[in-house]
Amino acid sequence: MKDEGIVLSRGRSQASVIRASNAHLEATILALRDRLEHEKADAEAAVRKATASLAGEIAALQATIEEMRDRLQAVEAAGRADVQSARASAAADIKQLELTIHAQRARLEAEDQRHRDEVGDLNAAFAKEREILHDQIRALRSRLERGPQA
């Protein structure tokens, strides 16, 4: 019986040790669970913070992109307007130059015709004067050939 008492007391003491060990394991598990939940909460908070920060940065970049797009479109529109204006101005200049060329050509043709008419008139006058001079020369020759008759 003595041996039974030892076994029972040992069984009780082992049960106490097992209970104490289980209690310690439960406390460790609870502590680890609390630490894990705390770290999970910290990680989630860090993710939320990073997401919020990145969301702000993304929004700022989107605003910058939109502003740059608007500025680019304005520059393109101004460039197209400048090109259109330059084309219109060039077309007006070309039209004016064509009118000036036609007017100058007409003036030169009229001037050329006037000079031809003038040359024709001068040639006719010179021919008439030459004829008169030839007539005078013939008359003088004829008088010379007849001799002095006075």
C-alpha atoms as a PDB file:
ATOM      1  CA  MET A   1       0.000   0.000   0.000  1.00  0.00           C
ATOM      2  CA  LYS A   2       2.748   2.137   0.581  1.00  0.00           C
ATOM      3  CA  ASP A   3       3.597   1.738  -3.054  1.00  0.00           C
ATOM      4  CA  GLU A   4       0.085   2.660  -4.033  1.00  0.00           C
ATOM      5  CA  GLY A   5       0.286   5.826  -2.041  1.00  0.00           C
ATOM      6  CA  ILE A   6       3.500   6.726  -3.747  1.00  0.00           C
ATOM      7  CA  VAL A   7       1.972   6.059  -7.154  1.00  0.00           C
ATOM      8  CA  LEU A   8      -1.105   8.093  -6.220  1.00  0.00           C
ATOM      9  CA  SER A   9       0.917  10.879  -4.862  1.00  0.00           C
ATOM     10  CA  ARG A  10       3.094  10.722  -7.895  1.00  0.00           C
ATOM     11  CA  GLY A  11       0.023  10.700 -10.093  1.00  0.00           C
ATOM     12  CA  ARG A  12      -1.295  13.719  -8.257  1.00  0.00           C
ATOM     13  CA  SER A  13       1.954  15.491  -8.494  1.00  0.00           C
ATOM     14  CA  GLN A  14       2.301  14.622 -12.185  1.00  0.00           C
ATOM     15  CA  ALA A  15      -1.225  15.805 -12.750  1.00  0.00           C
ATOM     16  CA  SER A  16      -0.336  19.020 -10.964  1.00  0.00           C
ATOM     17  CA  VAL A  17       2.754  19.378 -13.087  1.00  0.00           C
ATOM     18  CA  ILE A  18       0.751  18.673 -16.223  1.00  0.00           C
ATOM     19  CA  ARG A  19      -1.907  21.167 -15.131  1.00  0.00           C
ATOM     20  CA  ALA A  20       0.735  23.745 -14.355  1.00  0.00           C
ATOM     21  CA  SER A  21       2.415  22.984 -17.648  1.00  0.00           C
ATOM     22  CA  ASN A  22      -0.917  23.266 -19.483  1.00  0.00           C
ATOM     23  CA  ALA A  23      -1.670  26.533 -17.711  1.00  0.00           C
ATOM     24  CA  HIS A  24       1.738  27.810 -18.692  1.00  0.00           C
ATOM     25  CA  LEU A  25       1.203  26.692 -22.317  1.00  0.00           C
ATOM     26  CA  GLU A  26      -2.215  28.341 -22.358  1.00  0.00           C
ATOM     27  CA  ALA A  27      -0.718  31.555 -21.005  1.00  0.00           C
ATOM     28  CA  THR A  28       2.045  31.368 -23.642  1.00  0.00           C
ATOM     29  CA  ILE A  29      -0.494  30.703 -26.399  1.00  0.00           C
ATOM     30  CA  LEU A  30      -2.635  33.629 -25.210  1.00  0.00           C
ATOM     31  CA  ALA A  31       0.421  35.894 -25.032  1.00  0.00           C
ATOM     32  CA  LEU A  32       1.548  34.825 -28.494  1.00  0.00           C
ATOM     33  CA  ARG A  33      -1.994  35.264 -29.827  1.00  0.00           C
ATOM     34  CA  ASP A  34      -2.174  38.767 -28.315  1.00  0.00           C
ATOM     35  CA  ARG A  35       1.257  39.612 -29.765  1.00  0.00           C
ATOM     36  CA  LEU A  36       0.257  38.222 -33.168  1.00  0.00           C
ATOM     37  CA  GLU A  37      -3.003  40.200 -33.156  1.00  0.00           C
ATOM     38  CA  HIS A  38      -1.126  43.321 -32.090  1.00  0.00           C
ATOM     39  CA  GLU A  39       1.441  42.876 -34.881  1.00  0.00           C
ATOM     40  CA  LYS A  40      -1.341  42.125 -37.352  1.00  0.00           C
ATOM     41  CA  ALA A  41      -3.105  45.324 -36.292  1.00  0.00           C
ATOM     42  CA  ASP A  42       0.191  47.243 -36.619  1.00  0.00           C
ATOM     43  CA  ALA A  43       0.788  45.752 -40.087  1.00  0.00           C
ATOM     44  CA  GLU A  44      -2.767  46.613 -41.176  1.00  0.00           C
ATOM     45  CA  ALA A  45      -2.322  50.143 -39.857  1.00  0.00           C
ATOM     46  CA  ALA A  46       0.968  50.440 -41.757  1.00  0.00           C
ATOM     47  CA  VAL A  47      -0.737  49.184 -44.930  1.00  0.00           C
ATOM     48  CA  ARG A  48      -3.608  51.657 -44.455  1.00  0.00           C
ATOM     49  CA  LYS A  49      -1.115  54.471 -43.847  1.00  0.00           C
ATOM     50  CA  ALA A  50       0.940  53.526 -46.924  1.00  0.00           C
ATOM     51  CA  THR A  51      -2.219  53.153 -49.004  1.00  0.00           C
ATOM     52  CA  ALA A  52      -3.461  56.565 -47.867  1.00  0.00           C
ATOM     53  CA  SER A  53      -0.078  58.100 -48.578  1.00  0.00           C
ATOM     54  CA  LEU A  54       0.117  56.486 -51.993  1.00  0.00           C
ATOM     55  CA  ALA A  55      -3.475  57.459 -52.737  1.00  0.00           C
ATOM     56  CA  GLY A  56      -2.565  61.071 -52.038  1.00  0.00           C
ATOM     57  CA  GLU A  57       0.513  60.793 -54.214  1.00  0.00           C
ATOM     58  CA  ILE A  58      -1.490  59.133 -56.989  1.00  0.00           C
ATOM     59  CA  ALA A  59      -4.117  61.877 -56.794  1.00  0.00           C
ATOM     60  CA  ALA A  60      -1.385  64.531 -56.969  1.00  0.00           C
ATOM     61  CA  LEU A  61       0.199  62.801 -59.972  1.00  0.00           C
ATOM     62  CA  GLN A  62      -3.183  62.498 -61.684  1.00  0.00           C
ATOM     63  CA  ALA A  63      -3.808  66.207 -61.106  1.00  0.00           C
ATOM     64  CA  THR A  64      -0.365  67.021 -62.504  1.00  0.00           C
ATOM     65  CA  ILE A  65      -0.992  64.820 -65.537  1.00  0.00           C
ATOM     66  CA  GLU A  66      -4.364  66.481 -66.116  1.00  0.00           C
ATOM     67  CA  GLU A  67      -2.829  69.943 -65.821  1.00  0.00           C
ATOM     68  CA  MET A  68      -0.020  69.016 -68.222  1.00  0.00           C
ATOM     69  CA  ARG A  69      -2.544  67.532 -70.658  1.00  0.00           C
ATOM     70  CA  ASP A  70      -4.603  70.727 -70.525  1.00  0.00           C
ATOM     71  CA  ARG A  71      -1.497  72.861 -71.081  1.00  0.00           C
ATOM     72  CA  LEU A  72      -0.394  70.653 -73.975  1.00  0.00           C
ATOM     73  CA  GLN A  73      -3.820  70.883 -75.568  1.00  0.00           C
ATOM     74  CA  ALA A  74      -3.765  74.662 -75.161  1.00  0.00           C
ATOM     75  CA  VAL A  75      -0.320  74.846 -76.763  1.00  0.00           C
ATOM     76  CA  GLU A  76      -1.469  72.601 -79.614  1.00  0.00           C
ATOM     77  CA  ALA A  77      -4.569  74.723 -80.145  1.00  0.00           C
ATOM     78  CA  ALA A  78      -2.488  77.904 -80.113  1.00  0.00           C
ATOM     79  CA  GLY A  79      -0.048  76.305 -82.550  1.00  0.00           C
ATOM     80  CA  ARG A  80      -2.871  75.321 -84.892  1.00  0.00           C
ATOM     81  CA  ALA A  81      -4.297  78.829 -84.648  1.00  0.00           C
ATOM     82  CA  ASP A  82      -0.860  80.317 -85.398  1.00  0.00           C
ATOM     83  CA  VAL A  83      -0.439  78.026 -88.399  1.00  0.00           C
ATOM     84  CA  GLN A  84      -3.911  78.904 -89.649  1.00  0.00           C
ATOM     85  CA  SER A  85      -3.212  82.597 -89.166  1.00  0.00           C
ATOM     86  CA  ALA A  86       0.134  82.305 -90.957  1.00  0.00           C
ATOM     87  CA  ARG A  87      -1.512  80.447 -93.829  1.00  0.00           C
ATOM     88  CA  ALA A  88      -4.256  83.046 -94.115  1.00  0.00           C
ATOM     89  CA  SER A  89      -1.705  85.855 -93.989  1.00  0.00           C
ATOM     90  CA  ALA A  90       0.488  84.127 -96.579  1.00  0.00           C
ATOM     91  CA  ALA A  91      -2.538  83.563 -98.818  1.00  0.00           C
ATOM     92  CA  ALA A  92      -3.448  87.249 -98.543  1.00  0.00           C
ATOM     93  CA  ASP A  93       0.168  88.236 -99.296  1.00  0.00           C
ATOM     94  CA  ILE A  94       0.243  85.895-102.293  1.00  0.00           C
ATOM     95  CA  LYS A  95      -3.031  87.318-103.597  1.00  0.00           C
ATOM     96  CA  GLN A  96      -1.720  90.863-103.161  1.00  0.00           C
ATOM     97  CA  LEU A  97       1.523  89.950-104.930  1.00  0.00           C
ATOM     98  CA  GLU A  98      -0.413  88.359-107.791  1.00  0.00           C
ATOM     99  CA  LEU A  99      -2.511  91.516-108.168  1.00  0.00           C
ATOM    100  CA  THR A 100       0.637  93.643-108.094  1.00  0.00           C
ATOM    101  CA  ILE A 101       2.308  91.389-110.689  1.00  0.00           C
ATOM    102  CA  HIS A 102      -0.724  91.601-112.976  1.00  0.00           C
ATOM    103  CA  ALA A 103      -0.900  95.366-112.571  1.00  0.00           C
ATOM    104  CA  GLN A 104       2.847  95.748-113.246  1.00  0.00           C
ATOM    105  CA  ARG A 105       2.624  93.408-116.250  1.00  0.00           C
ATOM    106  CA  ALA A 106      -0.276  95.428-117.660  1.00  0.00           C
ATOM    107  CA  ARG A 107       1.633  98.675-117.034  1.00  0.00           C
ATOM    108  CA  LEU A 108       4.768  97.273-118.677  1.00  0.00           C
ATOM    109  CA  GLU A 109       2.783  96.018-121.671  1.00  0.00           C
ATOM    110  CA  ALA A 110       1.092  99.404-122.030  1.00  0.00           C
ATOM    111  CA  GLU A 111       4.454 101.139-121.646  1.00  0.00           C
ATOM    112  CA  ASP A 112       6.002  98.763-124.202  1.00  0.00           C
ATOM    113  CA  GLN A 113       3.149  99.419-126.634  1.00  0.00           C
ATOM    114  CA  ARG A 114       3.526 103.179-126.103  1.00  0.00           C
ATOM    115  CA  HIS A 115       7.253 102.900-126.818  1.00  0.00           C
ATOM    116  CA  ARG A 116       6.600 100.836-129.971  1.00  0.00           C
ATOM    117  CA  ASP A 117       4.037 103.399-131.098  1.00  0.00           C
ATOM    118  CA  GLU A 118       6.499 106.172-130.323  1.00  0.00           C
ATOM    119  CA  VAL A 119       9.276 104.384-132.231  1.00  0.00           C
ATOM    120  CA  GLY A 120       6.865 103.772-135.099  1.00  0.00           C
ATOM    121  CA  ASP A 121       5.885 107.447-135.106  1.00  0.00           C
ATOM    122  CA  LEU A 122       9.561 108.490-134.969  1.00  0.00           C
ATOM    123  CA  ASN A 123      10.438 106.077-137.798  1.00  0.00           C
ATOM    124  CA  ALA A 124       7.564 107.452-139.843  1.00  0.00           C
ATOM    125  CA  ALA A 125       8.659 111.032-139.097  1.00  0.00           C
ATOM    126  CA  PHE A 126      12.283 110.165-139.947  1.00  0.00           C
ATOM    127  CA  ALA A 127      11.161 108.445-143.157  1.00  0.00           C
ATOM    128  CA  LYS A 128       9.095 111.493-144.091  1.00  0.00           C
ATOM    129  CA  GLU A 129      11.970 113.837-143.242  1.00  0.00           C
ATOM    130  CA  ARG A 130      14.383 111.615-145.190  1.00  0.00           C
ATOM    131  CA  GLU A 131      12.002 111.710-148.145  1.00  0.00           C
ATOM    132  CA  ILE A 132      11.837 115.491-147.870  1.00  0.00           C
ATOM    133  CA  LEU A 133      15.624 115.673-147.627  1.00  0.00           C
ATOM    134  CA  HIS A 134      15.979 113.367-150.654  1.00  0.00           C
ATOM    135  CA  ASP A 135      13.529 115.551-152.535  1.00  0.00           C
ATOM    136  CA  GLN A 136      15.569 118.644-151.611  1.00  0.00           C
ATOM    137  CA  ILE A 137      18.793 116.895-152.602  1.00  0.00           C
ATOM    138  CA  ARG A 138      17.282 115.951-155.994  1.00  0.00           C
ATOM    139  CA  ALA A 139      16.022 119.475-156.489  1.00  0.00           C
ATOM    140  CA  LEU A 140      19.436 120.910-155.610  1.00  0.00           C
ATOM    141  CA  ARG A 141      21.170 118.425-157.942  1.00  0.00           C
ATOM    142  CA  SER A 142      18.789 119.239-160.656  1.00  0.00           C
ATOM    143  CA  ARG A 143      19.492 122.970-160.195  1.00  0.00           C
ATOM    144  CA  LEU A 144      23.190 122.349-160.126  1.00  0.00           C
ATOM    145  CA  GLU A 145      23.032 120.291-163.270  1.00  0.00           C
ATOM    146  CA  ARG A 146      21.109 122.979-165.086  1.00  0.00           C
ATOM    147  CA  GLY A 147      23.572 125.519-164.095  1.00  0.00           C
ATOM    148  CA  PRO A 148      23.190 128.977-162.718  1.00  0.00           C
ATOM    149  CA  GLN A 149      20.187 130.692-164.193  1.00  0.00           C
ATOM    150  CA  ALA A 150      19.896 133.846-162.706  1.00  0.00           C
END
